[in-house]
Amino acid sequence: MPPIRRVNVPPALFQHLLDRVQSRKIPASQLELLAAWLDSEPDVPEGLWYKRFPAMTVCGEGELIKTFLLPGPAPKGRKVS
């Protein structure tokens, strides 16, 4: 299980994530929870995965975070803690 990549994220993916934060109005409090979780250096599965937070879900694939969902849409992949 790889750790989440926090450096050298492809520029297009990084821009996509910033766009999702802005367009979905992800609260700063949720981003703080995400940062704390990332600081714990979690391992994630090689394939699709997701991590639920109170007001958003982080979706990834392998070592990369791919998008942010608001409550409602069902994420794909394996739930991580």
C-alpha atoms as a PDB file:
ATOM      1  CA  MET A   1       0.000   0.000   0.000  1.00  0.00           C
ATOM      2  CA  PRO A   2       1.593   3.281  -1.098  1.00  0.00           C
ATOM      3  CA  PRO A   3       1.570   6.543   0.854  1.00  0.00           C
ATOM      4  CA  ILE A   4      -0.272   9.484  -0.689  1.00  0.00           C
ATOM      5  CA  ARG A   5       1.937  11.597  -2.923  1.00  0.00           C
ATOM      6  CA  ARG A   6       2.190  15.164  -1.628  1.00  0.00           C
ATOM      7  CA  VAL A   7       4.935  16.478  -3.918  1.00  0.00           C
ATOM      8  CA  ASN A   8       5.349  16.359  -7.687  1.00  0.00           C
ATOM      9  CA  VAL A   9       1.606  16.031  -8.269  1.00  0.00           C
ATOM     10  CA  PRO A  10       0.926  16.417 -12.003  1.00  0.00           C
ATOM     11  CA  PRO A  11       0.044  20.093 -12.653  1.00  0.00           C
ATOM     12  CA  ALA A  12      -3.247  19.292 -14.427  1.00  0.00           C
ATOM     13  CA  LEU A  13      -4.361  17.121 -11.503  1.00  0.00           C
ATOM     14  CA  PHE A  14      -3.372  19.793  -8.981  1.00  0.00           C
ATOM     15  CA  GLN A  15      -5.417  22.373 -10.919  1.00  0.00           C
ATOM     16  CA  HIS A  16      -8.358  19.955 -11.053  1.00  0.00           C
ATOM     17  CA  LEU A  17      -8.245  19.572  -7.258  1.00  0.00           C
ATOM     18  CA  LEU A  18      -8.116  23.348  -6.752  1.00  0.00           C
ATOM     19  CA  ASP A  19     -11.060  23.754  -9.139  1.00  0.00           C
ATOM     20  CA  ARG A  20     -13.079  21.150  -7.212  1.00  0.00           C
ATOM     21  CA  VAL A  21     -12.383  22.844  -3.874  1.00  0.00           C
ATOM     22  CA  GLN A  22     -13.582  26.143  -5.315  1.00  0.00           C
ATOM     23  CA  SER A  23     -16.563  24.919  -7.363  1.00  0.00           C
ATOM     24  CA  ARG A  24     -17.869  22.661  -4.601  1.00  0.00           C
ATOM     25  CA  LYS A  25     -17.163  25.255  -1.919  1.00  0.00           C
ATOM     26  CA  ILE A  26     -15.260  22.795   0.273  1.00  0.00           C
ATOM     27  CA  PRO A  27     -15.041  24.442   3.732  1.00  0.00           C
ATOM     28  CA  ALA A  28     -11.625  25.297   5.143  1.00  0.00           C
ATOM     29  CA  SER A  29     -12.458  23.131   8.167  1.00  0.00           C
ATOM     30  CA  GLN A  30     -12.636  20.085   5.888  1.00  0.00           C
ATOM     31  CA  LEU A  31      -9.311  20.954   4.278  1.00  0.00           C
ATOM     32  CA  GLU A  32      -7.801  21.194   7.768  1.00  0.00           C
ATOM     33  CA  LEU A  33      -9.068  17.688   8.534  1.00  0.00           C
ATOM     34  CA  LEU A  34      -7.599  16.493   5.227  1.00  0.00           C
ATOM     35  CA  ALA A  35      -4.240  18.083   6.070  1.00  0.00           C
ATOM     36  CA  ALA A  36      -4.188  16.426   9.499  1.00  0.00           C
ATOM     37  CA  TRP A  37      -5.006  13.075   7.913  1.00  0.00           C
ATOM     38  CA  LEU A  38      -2.252  13.539   5.318  1.00  0.00           C
ATOM     39  CA  ASP A  39       0.195  14.458   8.108  1.00  0.00           C
ATOM     40  CA  SER A  40      -0.451  11.007   9.597  1.00  0.00           C
ATOM     41  CA  GLU A  41       1.084   9.571   6.383  1.00  0.00           C
ATOM     42  CA  PRO A  42      -1.743   7.124   5.647  1.00  0.00           C
ATOM     43  CA  ASP A  43      -1.207   4.208   3.308  1.00  0.00           C
ATOM     44  CA  VAL A  44      -3.816   3.722   0.609  1.00  0.00           C
ATOM     45  CA  PRO A  45      -4.576   0.819  -1.741  1.00  0.00           C
ATOM     46  CA  GLU A  46      -3.123   0.602  -5.244  1.00  0.00           C
ATOM     47  CA  GLY A  47      -6.527   0.947  -6.944  1.00  0.00           C
ATOM     48  CA  LEU A  48      -9.507   3.195  -6.316  1.00  0.00           C
ATOM     49  CA  TRP A  49     -10.100   4.342  -2.744  1.00  0.00           C
ATOM     50  CA  TYR A  50     -11.967   6.977  -0.764  1.00  0.00           C
ATOM     51  CA  LYS A  51     -11.845   8.628   2.656  1.00  0.00           C
ATOM     52  CA  ARG A  52     -14.967  10.181   4.163  1.00  0.00           C
ATOM     53  CA  PHE A  53     -14.855  13.406   6.150  1.00  0.00           C
ATOM     54  CA  PRO A  54     -17.917  15.058   7.746  1.00  0.00           C
ATOM     55  CA  ALA A  55     -18.674  17.365   4.781  1.00  0.00           C
ATOM     56  CA  MET A  56     -16.709  15.834   1.888  1.00  0.00           C
ATOM     57  CA  THR A  57     -15.234  12.645   0.529  1.00  0.00           C
ATOM     58  CA  VAL A  58     -11.698  12.454  -0.844  1.00  0.00           C
ATOM     59  CA  CYS A  59     -11.359  10.039  -3.772  1.00  0.00           C
ATOM     60  CA  GLY A  60      -8.072   8.685  -5.012  1.00  0.00           C
ATOM     61  CA  GLU A  61      -6.328   6.089  -7.071  1.00  0.00           C
ATOM     62  CA  GLY A  62      -3.115   4.626  -5.757  1.00  0.00           C
ATOM     63  CA  GLU A  63      -0.849   7.348  -4.428  1.00  0.00           C
ATOM     64  CA  LEU A  64      -2.830  10.234  -5.932  1.00  0.00           C
ATOM     65  CA  ILE A  65      -5.866  12.118  -4.675  1.00  0.00           C
ATOM     66  CA  LYS A  66      -8.111  12.465  -7.741  1.00  0.00           C
ATOM     67  CA  THR A  67     -11.131  14.521  -6.631  1.00  0.00           C
ATOM     68  CA  PHE A  68     -13.362  15.759  -3.828  1.00  0.00           C
ATOM     69  CA  LEU A  69     -17.049  14.883  -3.550  1.00  0.00           C
ATOM     70  CA  LEU A  70     -19.741  16.533  -1.491  1.00  0.00           C
ATOM     71  CA  PRO A  71     -22.098  14.307   0.524  1.00  0.00           C
ATOM     72  CA  GLY A  72     -24.467  12.457  -1.759  1.00  0.00           C
ATOM     73  CA  PRO A  73     -22.633  10.859  -4.692  1.00  0.00           C
ATOM     74  CA  ALA A  74     -21.416   7.341  -3.978  1.00  0.00           C
ATOM     75  CA  PRO A  75     -17.622   7.072  -4.166  1.00  0.00           C
ATOM     76  CA  LYS A  76     -15.936   4.183  -5.947  1.00  0.00           C
ATOM     77  CA  GLY A  77     -13.247   1.965  -4.542  1.00  0.00           C
ATOM     78  CA  ARG A  78     -12.185   0.823  -1.128  1.00  0.00           C
ATOM     79  CA  LYS A  79     -12.912   2.832   2.006  1.00  0.00           C
ATOM     80  CA  VAL A  80      -9.791   3.822   3.950  1.00  0.00           C
ATOM     81  CA  SER A  81      -9.617   4.981   7.538  1.00  0.00           C
END
